[in-house]
């Protein structure tokens, strides 16, 4: 999604609106909060576009690597091609994003 994409305005506005509500629950030293929230919304918009623009079958891969990590965004795996035929090997469109679990 380019910076000129009109969806960028909607994403930025949604992040601002969410921050207006959620900032009261966040630690005051969290300077990257809005940027992180914007990126999560942007990734969600991308996944929505990929899922609904073509007749393919998709799977979300949530499995954790271990007890020390938490999956915050699943891998998106394509199971069938653009004609609805099963793929010989699933195609990973996005990779899992993980964060360390807090102790």
PDB file of N, CA and C in Angstrom:
ATOM      1  N   UNK A   1       0.856  -1.163   0.000  1.00  0.00           N
ATOM      2  CA  UNK A   1       0.000   0.000   0.000  1.00  0.00           C
ATOM      3  C   UNK A   1       0.909   1.235   0.000  1.00  0.00           C
ATOM      4  N   UNK A   2       0.785   2.058  -1.011  1.00  0.00           N
ATOM      5  CA  UNK A   2       1.648   3.233  -1.123  1.00  0.00           C
ATOM      6  C   UNK A   2       1.150   4.356  -0.220  1.00  0.00           C
ATOM      7  N   UNK A   3       2.009   5.337   0.002  1.00  0.00           N
ATOM      8  CA  UNK A   3       1.634   6.482   0.833  1.00  0.00           C
ATOM      9  C   UNK A   3       0.530   7.308   0.194  1.00  0.00           C
ATOM     10  N   UNK A   4       0.385   7.216  -1.137  1.00  0.00           N
ATOM     11  CA  UNK A   4      -0.649   7.971  -1.846  1.00  0.00           C
ATOM     12  C   UNK A   4      -1.997   7.247  -1.851  1.00  0.00           C
ATOM     13  N   UNK A   5      -2.019   6.015  -1.394  1.00  0.00           N
ATOM     14  CA  UNK A   5      -3.255   5.225  -1.367  1.00  0.00           C
ATOM     15  C   UNK A   5      -4.274   5.920  -0.468  1.00  0.00           C
ATOM     16  N   UNK A   6      -5.501   6.146  -0.958  1.00  0.00           N
ATOM     17  CA  UNK A   6      -6.505   6.841  -0.148  1.00  0.00           C
ATOM     18  C   UNK A   6      -6.864   6.112   1.150  1.00  0.00           C
ATOM     19  N   UNK A   7      -6.587   4.809   1.218  1.00  0.00           N
ATOM     20  CA  UNK A   7      -6.876   4.075   2.456  1.00  0.00           C
ATOM     21  C   UNK A   7      -5.971   4.516   3.596  1.00  0.00           C
ATOM     22  N   UNK A   8      -4.815   5.101   3.261  1.00  0.00           N
ATOM     23  CA  UNK A   8      -3.889   5.555   4.299  1.00  0.00           C
ATOM     24  C   UNK A   8      -4.546   6.585   5.217  1.00  0.00           C
ATOM     25  N   UNK A   9      -5.356   7.487   4.649  1.00  0.00           N
ATOM     26  CA  UNK A   9      -6.054   8.487   5.462  1.00  0.00           C
ATOM     27  C   UNK A   9      -6.991   7.798   6.445  1.00  0.00           C
ATOM     28  N   UNK A  10      -7.768   6.826   5.956  1.00  0.00           N
ATOM     29  CA  UNK A  10      -8.705   6.113   6.830  1.00  0.00           C
ATOM     30  C   UNK A  10      -7.976   5.344   7.924  1.00  0.00           C
ATOM     31  N   UNK A  11      -6.848   4.745   7.581  1.00  0.00           N
ATOM     32  CA  UNK A  11      -6.055   4.004   8.565  1.00  0.00           C
ATOM     33  C   UNK A  11      -5.537   4.950   9.638  1.00  0.00           C
ATOM     34  N   UNK A  12      -4.983   6.094   9.219  1.00  0.00           N
ATOM     35  CA  UNK A  12      -4.465   7.078  10.179  1.00  0.00           C
ATOM     36  C   UNK A  12      -5.588   7.610  11.063  1.00  0.00           C
ATOM     37  N   UNK A  13      -6.747   7.863  10.483  1.00  0.00           N
ATOM     38  CA  UNK A  13      -7.876   8.382  11.263  1.00  0.00           C
ATOM     39  C   UNK A  13      -8.363   7.349  12.273  1.00  0.00           C
ATOM     40  N   UNK A  14      -8.436   6.083  11.872  1.00  0.00           N
ATOM     41  CA  UNK A  14      -8.849   5.026  12.795  1.00  0.00           C
ATOM     42  C   UNK A  14      -7.853   4.892  13.939  1.00  0.00           C
ATOM     43  N   UNK A  15      -6.561   4.946  13.636  1.00  0.00           N
ATOM     44  CA  UNK A  15      -5.541   4.861  14.690  1.00  0.00           C
ATOM     45  C   UNK A  15      -5.684   6.022  15.666  1.00  0.00           C
ATOM     46  N   UNK A  16      -5.934   7.223  15.157  1.00  0.00           N
ATOM     47  CA  UNK A  16      -6.120   8.388  16.028  1.00  0.00           C
ATOM     48  C   UNK A  16      -7.357   8.213  16.906  1.00  0.00           C
ATOM     49  N   UNK A  17      -8.460   7.776  16.295  1.00  0.00           N
ATOM     50  CA  UNK A  17      -9.696   7.582  17.061  1.00  0.00           C
ATOM     51  C   UNK A  17      -9.521   6.517  18.140  1.00  0.00           C
ATOM     52  N   UNK A  18      -8.857   5.423  17.806  1.00  0.00           N
ATOM     53  CA  UNK A  18      -8.609   4.379  18.804  1.00  0.00           C
ATOM     54  C   UNK A  18      -7.696   4.884  19.916  1.00  0.00           C
ATOM     55  N   UNK A  19      -6.675   5.656  19.544  1.00  0.00           N
ATOM     56  CA  UNK A  19      -5.756   6.183  20.553  1.00  0.00           C
ATOM     57  C   UNK A  19      -6.467   7.140  21.500  1.00  0.00           C
ATOM     58  N   UNK A  20      -7.430   7.899  20.998  1.00  0.00           N
ATOM     59  CA  UNK A  20      -8.190   8.808  21.864  1.00  0.00           C
ATOM     60  C   UNK A  20      -8.872   8.054  23.001  1.00  0.00           C
ATOM     61  N   UNK A  21      -9.257   6.808  22.749  1.00  0.00           N
ATOM     62  CA  UNK A  21      -9.921   5.987  23.768  1.00  0.00           C
ATOM     63  C   UNK A  21      -8.916   5.168  24.569  1.00  0.00           C
ATOM     64  N   UNK A  22      -7.970   4.543  23.883  1.00  0.00           N
ATOM     65  CA  UNK A  22      -7.087   3.571  24.529  1.00  0.00           C
ATOM     66  C   UNK A  22      -5.905   4.174  25.275  1.00  0.00           C
ATOM     67  N   UNK A  23      -5.547   5.419  24.997  1.00  0.00           N
ATOM     68  CA  UNK A  23      -4.353   5.994  25.643  1.00  0.00           C
ATOM     69  C   UNK A  23      -4.473   6.069  27.152  1.00  0.00           C
ATOM     70  N   UNK A  24      -5.686   6.106  27.656  1.00  0.00           N
ATOM     71  CA  UNK A  24      -5.887   6.165  29.108  1.00  0.00           C
ATOM     72  C   UNK A  24      -5.496   4.852  29.787  1.00  0.00           C
ATOM     73  N   UNK A  25      -5.412   3.789  29.006  1.00  0.00           N
ATOM     74  CA  UNK A  25      -5.065   2.475  29.544  1.00  0.00           C
ATOM     75  C   UNK A  25      -3.607   2.098  29.261  1.00  0.00           C
ATOM     76  N   UNK A  26      -2.876   2.963  28.573  1.00  0.00           N
ATOM     77  CA  UNK A  26      -1.489   2.679  28.185  1.00  0.00           C
ATOM     78  C   UNK A  26      -0.524   3.357  29.146  1.00  0.00           C
ATOM     79  N   UNK A  27       0.678   2.811  29.233  1.00  0.00           N
ATOM     80  CA  UNK A  27       1.698   3.460  30.056  1.00  0.00           C
ATOM     81  C   UNK A  27       2.112   4.771  29.386  1.00  0.00           C
ATOM     82  N   UNK A  28       2.412   5.763  30.188  1.00  0.00           N
ATOM     83  CA  UNK A  28       2.684   7.101  29.661  1.00  0.00           C
ATOM     84  C   UNK A  28       3.980   7.179  28.857  1.00  0.00           C
ATOM     85  N   UNK A  29       4.886   6.230  29.030  1.00  0.00           N
ATOM     86  CA  UNK A  29       6.159   6.286  28.317  1.00  0.00           C
ATOM     87  C   UNK A  29       6.147   5.505  26.996  1.00  0.00           C
ATOM     88  N   UNK A  30       4.980   5.120  26.521  1.00  0.00           N
ATOM     89  CA  UNK A  30       4.862   4.330  25.293  1.00  0.00           C
ATOM     90  C   UNK A  30       4.731   5.254  24.084  1.00  0.00           C
ATOM     91  N   UNK A  31       5.854   5.749  23.577  1.00  0.00           N
ATOM     92  CA  UNK A  31       5.860   6.714  22.475  1.00  0.00           C
ATOM     93  C   UNK A  31       5.504   6.090  21.119  1.00  0.00           C
ATOM     94  N   UNK A  32       5.743   4.812  20.942  1.00  0.00           N
ATOM     95  CA  UNK A  32       5.470   4.169  19.663  1.00  0.00           C
ATOM     96  C   UNK A  32       4.070   3.598  19.543  1.00  0.00           C
ATOM     97  N   UNK A  33       3.218   3.897  20.513  1.00  0.00           N
ATOM     98  CA  UNK A  33       1.877   3.307  20.567  1.00  0.00           C
ATOM     99  C   UNK A  33       1.076   3.553  19.286  1.00  0.00           C
ATOM    100  N   UNK A  34       0.989   4.796  18.833  1.00  0.00           N
ATOM    101  CA  UNK A  34       0.176   5.121  17.655  1.00  0.00           C
ATOM    102  C   UNK A  34       0.784   4.508  16.396  1.00  0.00           C
ATOM    103  N   UNK A  35       2.116   4.532  16.292  1.00  0.00           N
ATOM    104  CA  UNK A  35       2.764   3.931  15.122  1.00  0.00           C
ATOM    105  C   UNK A  35       2.509   2.427  15.076  1.00  0.00           C
ATOM    106  N   UNK A  36       2.598   1.768  16.226  1.00  0.00           N
ATOM    107  CA  UNK A  36       2.328   0.327  16.278  1.00  0.00           C
ATOM    108  C   UNK A  36       0.874   0.025  15.931  1.00  0.00           C
ATOM    109  N   UNK A  37      -0.035   0.823  16.481  1.00  0.00           N
ATOM    110  CA  UNK A  37      -1.455   0.620  16.203  1.00  0.00           C
ATOM    111  C   UNK A  37      -1.742   0.848  14.716  1.00  0.00           C
ATOM    112  N   UNK A  38      -1.117   1.862  14.129  1.00  0.00           N
ATOM    113  CA  UNK A  38      -1.295   2.143  12.703  1.00  0.00           C
ATOM    114  C   UNK A  38      -0.813   0.973  11.856  1.00  0.00           C
ATOM    115  N   UNK A  39       0.316   0.395  12.218  1.00  0.00           N
ATOM    116  CA  UNK A  39       0.847  -0.741  11.457  1.00  0.00           C
ATOM    117  C   UNK A  39      -0.060  -1.965  11.580  1.00  0.00           C
ATOM    118  N   UNK A  40      -0.620  -2.201  12.752  1.00  0.00           N
ATOM    119  CA  UNK A  40      -1.553  -3.322  12.932  1.00  0.00           C
ATOM    120  C   UNK A  40      -2.789  -3.122  12.061  1.00  0.00           C
ATOM    121  N   UNK A  41      -3.315  -1.907  12.033  1.00  0.00           N
ATOM    122  CA  UNK A  41      -4.490  -1.603  11.203  1.00  0.00           C
ATOM    123  C   UNK A  41      -4.136  -1.767   9.724  1.00  0.00           C
ATOM    124  N   UNK A  42      -2.957  -1.298   9.331  1.00  0.00           N
ATOM    125  CA  UNK A  42      -2.507  -1.415   7.937  1.00  0.00           C
ATOM    126  C   UNK A  42      -2.401  -2.887   7.530  1.00  0.00           C
ATOM    127  N   UNK A  43      -1.847  -3.713   8.398  1.00  0.00           N
ATOM    128  CA  UNK A  43      -1.734  -5.142   8.097  1.00  0.00           C
ATOM    129  C   UNK A  43      -3.114  -5.783   8.005  1.00  0.00           C
ATOM    130  N   UNK A  44      -4.020  -5.377   8.869  1.00  0.00           N
ATOM    131  CA  UNK A  44      -5.386  -5.889   8.801  1.00  0.00           C
ATOM    132  C   UNK A  44      -6.070  -5.514   7.497  1.00  0.00           C
ATOM    133  N   UNK A  45      -5.844  -4.290   7.031  1.00  0.00           N
ATOM    134  CA  UNK A  45      -6.418  -3.850   5.755  1.00  0.00           C
ATOM    135  C   UNK A  45      -5.853  -4.676   4.602  1.00  0.00           C
ATOM    136  N   UNK A  46      -4.553  -4.953   4.646  1.00  0.00           N
ATOM    137  CA  UNK A  46      -3.919  -5.762   3.603  1.00  0.00           C
ATOM    138  C   UNK A  46      -4.497  -7.179   3.590  1.00  0.00           C
ATOM    139  N   UNK A  47      -4.615  -7.773   4.763  1.00  0.00           N
ATOM    140  CA  UNK A  47      -5.150  -9.135   4.852  1.00  0.00           C
ATOM    141  C   UNK A  47      -6.589  -9.166   4.341  1.00  0.00           C
ATOM    142  N   UNK A  48      -7.393  -8.185   4.715  1.00  0.00           N
ATOM    143  CA  UNK A  48      -8.767  -8.117   4.221  1.00  0.00           C
ATOM    144  C   UNK A  48      -8.824  -8.027   2.709  1.00  0.00           C
ATOM    145  N   UNK A  49      -7.963  -7.208   2.142  1.00  0.00           N
ATOM    146  CA  UNK A  49      -7.902  -7.066   0.688  1.00  0.00           C
ATOM    147  C   UNK A  49      -7.537  -8.396   0.032  1.00  0.00           C
ATOM    148  N   UNK A  50      -6.501  -9.043   0.534  1.00  0.00           N
ATOM    149  CA  UNK A  50      -6.047 -10.315  -0.038  1.00  0.00           C
ATOM    150  C   UNK A  50      -7.132 -11.381   0.083  1.00  0.00           C
ATOM    151  N   UNK A  51      -7.793 -11.448   1.226  1.00  0.00           N
ATOM    152  CA  UNK A  51      -8.794 -12.492   1.456  1.00  0.00           C
ATOM    153  C   UNK A  51     -10.027 -12.345   0.577  1.00  0.00           C
ATOM    154  N   UNK A  52     -10.467 -11.116   0.333  1.00  0.00           N
ATOM    155  CA  UNK A  52     -11.760 -10.923  -0.309  1.00  0.00           C
ATOM    156  C   UNK A  52     -11.700 -10.519  -1.773  1.00  0.00           C
ATOM    157  N   UNK A  53     -10.510 -10.343  -2.337  1.00  0.00           N
ATOM    158  CA  UNK A  53     -10.422  -9.895  -3.715  1.00  0.00           C
ATOM    159  C   UNK A  53     -10.291 -11.050  -4.709  1.00  0.00           C
ATOM    160  N   UNK A  54     -10.058 -12.254  -4.236  1.00  0.00           N
ATOM    161  CA  UNK A  54      -9.862 -13.381  -5.143  1.00  0.00           C
ATOM    162  C   UNK A  54     -10.474 -14.662  -4.564  1.00  0.00           C
ATOM    163  N   UNK A  55     -10.851 -15.604  -5.437  1.00  0.00           N
ATOM    164  CA  UNK A  55     -11.542 -16.821  -4.978  1.00  0.00           C
ATOM    165  C   UNK A  55     -10.586 -17.915  -4.507  1.00  0.00           C
ATOM    166  N   UNK A  56      -9.738 -17.605  -3.583  1.00  0.00           N
ATOM    167  CA  UNK A  56      -8.800 -18.603  -3.071  1.00  0.00           C
ATOM    168  C   UNK A  56      -9.173 -18.992  -1.650  1.00  0.00           C
ATOM    169  N   UNK A  57      -8.591 -20.082  -1.185  1.00  0.00           N
ATOM    170  CA  UNK A  57      -8.800 -20.541   0.190  1.00  0.00           C
ATOM    171  C   UNK A  57      -7.556 -20.199   0.994  1.00  0.00           C
ATOM    172  N   UNK A  58      -7.781 -19.630   2.178  1.00  0.00           N
ATOM    173  CA  UNK A  58      -6.678 -19.179   3.028  1.00  0.00           C
ATOM    174  C   UNK A  58      -6.771 -19.816   4.403  1.00  0.00           C
ATOM    175  N   UNK A  59      -5.652 -19.857   5.076  1.00  0.00           N
ATOM    176  CA  UNK A  59      -5.591 -20.361   6.446  1.00  0.00           C
ATOM    177  C   UNK A  59      -4.721 -19.406   7.262  1.00  0.00           C
ATOM    178  N   UNK A  60      -5.081 -19.235   8.526  1.00  0.00           N
ATOM    179  CA  UNK A  60      -4.257 -18.449   9.443  1.00  0.00           C
ATOM    180  C   UNK A  60      -3.437 -19.414  10.287  1.00  0.00           C
ATOM    181  N   UNK A  61      -2.150 -19.157  10.396  1.00  0.00           N
ATOM    182  CA  UNK A  61      -1.252 -20.020  11.161  1.00  0.00           C
ATOM    183  C   UNK A  61      -0.873 -19.296  12.460  1.00  0.00           C
ATOM    184  N   UNK A  62      -1.447 -19.764  13.576  1.00  0.00           N
ATOM    185  CA  UNK A  62      -1.266 -19.116  14.876  1.00  0.00           C
ATOM    186  C   UNK A  62      -0.273 -19.822  15.786  1.00  0.00           C
ATOM    187  N   UNK A  63       0.182 -21.012  15.441  1.00  0.00           N
ATOM    188  CA  UNK A  63       0.989 -21.806  16.362  1.00  0.00           C
ATOM    189  C   UNK A  63       2.174 -21.009  16.891  1.00  0.00           C
ATOM    190  N   UNK A  64       2.410 -21.152  18.183  1.00  0.00           N
ATOM    191  CA  UNK A  64       3.515 -20.451  18.829  1.00  0.00           C
ATOM    192  C   UNK A  64       4.793 -21.267  18.725  1.00  0.00           C
ATOM    193  N   UNK A  65       5.921 -20.570  18.740  1.00  0.00           N
ATOM    194  CA  UNK A  65       7.220 -21.238  18.669  1.00  0.00           C
ATOM    195  C   UNK A  65       7.593 -21.843  20.010  1.00  0.00           C
ATOM    196  N   UNK A  66       7.077 -21.320  21.064  1.00  0.00           N
ATOM    197  CA  UNK A  66       7.406 -21.812  22.399  1.00  0.00           C
ATOM    198  C   UNK A  66       6.656 -21.010  23.444  1.00  0.00           C
ATOM    199  N   UNK A  67       6.934 -21.302  24.682  1.00  0.00           N
ATOM    200  CA  UNK A  67       6.241 -20.617  25.770  1.00  0.00           C
ATOM    201  C   UNK A  67       6.752 -19.198  25.994  1.00  0.00           C
ATOM    202  N   UNK A  68       7.870 -18.850  25.392  1.00  0.00           N
ATOM    203  CA  UNK A  68       8.455 -17.534  25.622  1.00  0.00           C
ATOM    204  C   UNK A  68       7.976 -16.480  24.619  1.00  0.00           C
ATOM    205  N   UNK A  69       7.189 -16.892  23.599  1.00  0.00           N
ATOM    206  CA  UNK A  69       6.721 -15.955  22.583  1.00  0.00           C
ATOM    207  C   UNK A  69       5.203 -16.006  22.442  1.00  0.00           C
ATOM    208  N   UNK A  70       4.660 -14.884  21.974  1.00  0.00           N
ATOM    209  CA  UNK A  70       3.233 -14.771  21.722  1.00  0.00           C
ATOM    210  C   UNK A  70       3.053 -14.326  20.276  1.00  0.00           C
ATOM    211  N   UNK A  71       2.209 -15.017  19.514  1.00  0.00           N
ATOM    212  CA  UNK A  71       1.933 -14.633  18.129  1.00  0.00           C
ATOM    213  C   UNK A  71       0.921 -13.489  18.164  1.00  0.00           C
ATOM    214  N   UNK A  72       1.320 -12.328  17.620  1.00  0.00           N
ATOM    215  CA  UNK A  72       0.426 -11.171  17.610  1.00  0.00           C
ATOM    216  C   UNK A  72      -0.239 -10.968  16.256  1.00  0.00           C
ATOM    217  N   UNK A  73       0.322 -11.586  15.211  1.00  0.00           N
ATOM    218  CA  UNK A  73      -0.287 -11.533  13.886  1.00  0.00           C
ATOM    219  C   UNK A  73       0.046 -12.847  13.203  1.00  0.00           C
ATOM    220  N   UNK A  74      -0.961 -13.624  12.800  1.00  0.00           N
ATOM    221  CA  UNK A  74      -0.696 -14.957  12.250  1.00  0.00           C
ATOM    222  C   UNK A  74      -0.125 -14.904  10.836  1.00  0.00           C
ATOM    223  N   UNK A  75       0.477 -16.000  10.431  1.00  0.00           N
ATOM    224  CA  UNK A  75       0.894 -16.143   9.033  1.00  0.00           C
ATOM    225  C   UNK A  75      -0.363 -16.383   8.198  1.00  0.00           C
ATOM    226  N   UNK A  76      -0.379 -15.848   7.003  1.00  0.00           N
ATOM    227  CA  UNK A  76      -1.486 -16.043   6.076  1.00  0.00           C
ATOM    228  C   UNK A  76      -1.007 -17.024   5.012  1.00  0.00           C
ATOM    229  N   UNK A  77      -1.675 -18.178   4.928  1.00  0.00           N
ATOM    230  CA  UNK A  77      -1.229 -19.266   4.056  1.00  0.00           C
ATOM    231  C   UNK A  77      -2.297 -19.535   2.995  1.00  0.00           C
ATOM    232  N   UNK A  78      -1.894 -19.482   1.720  1.00  0.00           N
ATOM    233  CA  UNK A  78      -2.809 -19.731   0.606  1.00  0.00           C
ATOM    234  C   UNK A  78      -2.863 -21.228   0.333  1.00  0.00           C
ATOM    235  N   UNK A  79      -4.073 -21.801   0.406  1.00  0.00           N
ATOM    236  CA  UNK A  79      -4.254 -23.237   0.222  1.00  0.00           C
ATOM    237  C   UNK A  79      -4.724 -23.609  -1.180  1.00  0.00           C
ATOM    238  N   UNK A  80      -5.341 -22.664  -1.903  1.00  0.00           N
ATOM    239  CA  UNK A  80      -5.784 -22.932  -3.274  1.00  0.00           C
ATOM    240  C   UNK A  80      -5.381 -21.764  -4.168  1.00  0.00           C
ATOM    241  N   UNK A  81      -5.349 -22.021  -5.485  1.00  0.00           N
ATOM    242  CA  UNK A  81      -4.929 -20.975  -6.417  1.00  0.00           C
ATOM    243  C   UNK A  81      -6.092 -20.050  -6.768  1.00  0.00           C
ATOM    244  N   UNK A  82      -5.836 -19.116  -7.690  1.00  0.00           N
ATOM    245  CA  UNK A  82      -6.846 -18.120  -8.063  1.00  0.00           C
ATOM    246  C   UNK A  82      -8.050 -18.715  -8.781  1.00  0.00           C
ATOM    247  N   UNK A  83      -7.979 -20.003  -9.134  1.00  0.00           N
ATOM    248  CA  UNK A  83      -9.108 -20.696  -9.762  1.00  0.00           C
ATOM    249  C   UNK A  83      -9.806 -21.638  -8.784  1.00  0.00           C
ATOM    250  N   UNK A  84      -9.385 -21.622  -7.539  1.00  0.00           N
ATOM    251  CA  UNK A  84      -9.989 -22.468  -6.519  1.00  0.00           C
ATOM    252  C   UNK A  84      -9.433 -23.876  -6.448  1.00  0.00           C
ATOM    253  N   UNK A  85      -8.401 -24.173  -7.224  1.00  0.00           N
ATOM    254  CA  UNK A  85      -7.789 -25.509  -7.200  1.00  0.00           C
ATOM    255  C   UNK A  85      -6.784 -25.596  -6.052  1.00  0.00           C
ATOM    256  N   UNK A  86      -6.775 -26.720  -5.329  1.00  0.00           N
ATOM    257  CA  UNK A  86      -5.807 -26.871  -4.226  1.00  0.00           C
ATOM    258  C   UNK A  86      -4.369 -26.742  -4.734  1.00  0.00           C
ATOM    259  N   UNK A  87      -3.561 -26.046  -3.969  1.00  0.00           N
ATOM    260  CA  UNK A  87      -2.141 -25.908  -4.306  1.00  0.00           C
ATOM    261  C   UNK A  87      -1.397 -27.167  -3.880  1.00  0.00           C
ATOM    262  N   UNK A  88      -0.397 -27.567  -4.656  1.00  0.00           N
ATOM    263  CA  UNK A  88       0.425 -28.730  -4.290  1.00  0.00           C
ATOM    264  C   UNK A  88       1.163 -28.459  -2.978  1.00  0.00           C
ATOM    265  N   UNK A  89       1.660 -27.237  -2.841  1.00  0.00           N
ATOM    266  CA  UNK A  89       2.325 -26.818  -1.600  1.00  0.00           C
ATOM    267  C   UNK A  89       1.705 -25.497  -1.172  1.00  0.00           C
ATOM    268  N   UNK A  90       1.242 -25.384   0.069  1.00  0.00           N
ATOM    269  CA  UNK A  90       0.684 -24.109   0.529  1.00  0.00           C
ATOM    270  C   UNK A  90       1.699 -22.974   0.364  1.00  0.00           C
ATOM    271  N   UNK A  91       1.195 -21.794   0.040  1.00  0.00           N
ATOM    272  CA  UNK A  91       2.038 -20.620  -0.170  1.00  0.00           C
ATOM    273  C   UNK A  91       1.837 -19.644   0.983  1.00  0.00           C
ATOM    274  N   UNK A  92       2.913 -19.337   1.684  1.00  0.00           N
ATOM    275  CA  UNK A  92       2.856 -18.414   2.821  1.00  0.00           C
ATOM    276  C   UNK A  92       2.939 -16.987   2.283  1.00  0.00           C
ATOM    277  N   UNK A  93       1.850 -16.217   2.445  1.00  0.00           N
ATOM    278  CA  UNK A  93       1.791 -14.850   1.941  1.00  0.00           C
ATOM    279  C   UNK A  93       2.406 -13.862   2.926  1.00  0.00           C
ATOM    280  N   UNK A  94       2.161 -14.074   4.190  1.00  0.00           N
ATOM    281  CA  UNK A  94       2.769 -13.244   5.236  1.00  0.00           C
ATOM    282  C   UNK A  94       3.313 -14.173   6.304  1.00  0.00           C
ATOM    283  N   UNK A  95       4.301 -13.715   7.024  1.00  0.00           N
ATOM    284  CA  UNK A  95       4.863 -14.547   8.086  1.00  0.00           C
ATOM    285  C   UNK A  95       4.296 -14.130   9.438  1.00  0.00           C
ATOM    286  N   UNK A  96       4.373 -15.045  10.389  1.00  0.00           N
ATOM    287  CA  UNK A  96       3.904 -14.760  11.744  1.00  0.00           C
ATOM    288  C   UNK A  96       4.744 -13.658  12.356  1.00  0.00           C
ATOM    289  N   UNK A  97       4.092 -12.817  13.125  1.00  0.00           N
ATOM    290  CA  UNK A  97       4.825 -11.819  13.895  1.00  0.00           C
ATOM    291  C   UNK A  97       4.658 -12.170  15.363  1.00  0.00           C
ATOM    292  N   UNK A  98       5.787 -12.258  16.052  1.00  0.00           N
ATOM    293  CA  UNK A  98       5.788 -12.691  17.449  1.00  0.00           C
ATOM    294  C   UNK A  98       6.458 -11.647  18.324  1.00  0.00           C
ATOM    295  N   UNK A  99       6.061 -11.642  19.574  1.00  0.00           N
ATOM    296  CA  UNK A  99       6.712 -10.797  20.578  1.00  0.00           C
ATOM    297  C   UNK A  99       7.035 -11.669  21.779  1.00  0.00           C
ATOM    298  N   UNK A 100       8.067 -11.301  22.537  1.00  0.00           N
ATOM    299  CA  UNK A 100       8.370 -12.058  23.753  1.00  0.00           C
ATOM    300  C   UNK A 100       7.247 -11.879  24.775  1.00  0.00           C
ATOM    301  N   UNK A 101       6.933 -12.933  25.483  1.00  0.00           N
ATOM    302  CA  UNK A 101       5.934 -12.838  26.555  1.00  0.00           C
ATOM    303  C   UNK A 101       6.546 -12.095  27.728  1.00  0.00           C
ATOM    304  N   UNK A 102       5.751 -11.240  28.343  1.00  0.00           N
ATOM    305  CA  UNK A 102       6.213 -10.528  29.533  1.00  0.00           C
ATOM    306  C   UNK A 102       6.269 -11.464  30.718  1.00  0.00           C
ATOM    307  N   UNK A 103       7.148 -11.190  31.608  1.00  0.00           N
ATOM    308  CA  UNK A 103       7.295 -12.028  32.812  1.00  0.00           C
ATOM    309  C   UNK A 103       6.779 -11.281  34.005  1.00  0.00           C
TER     310      UNK A 103
END
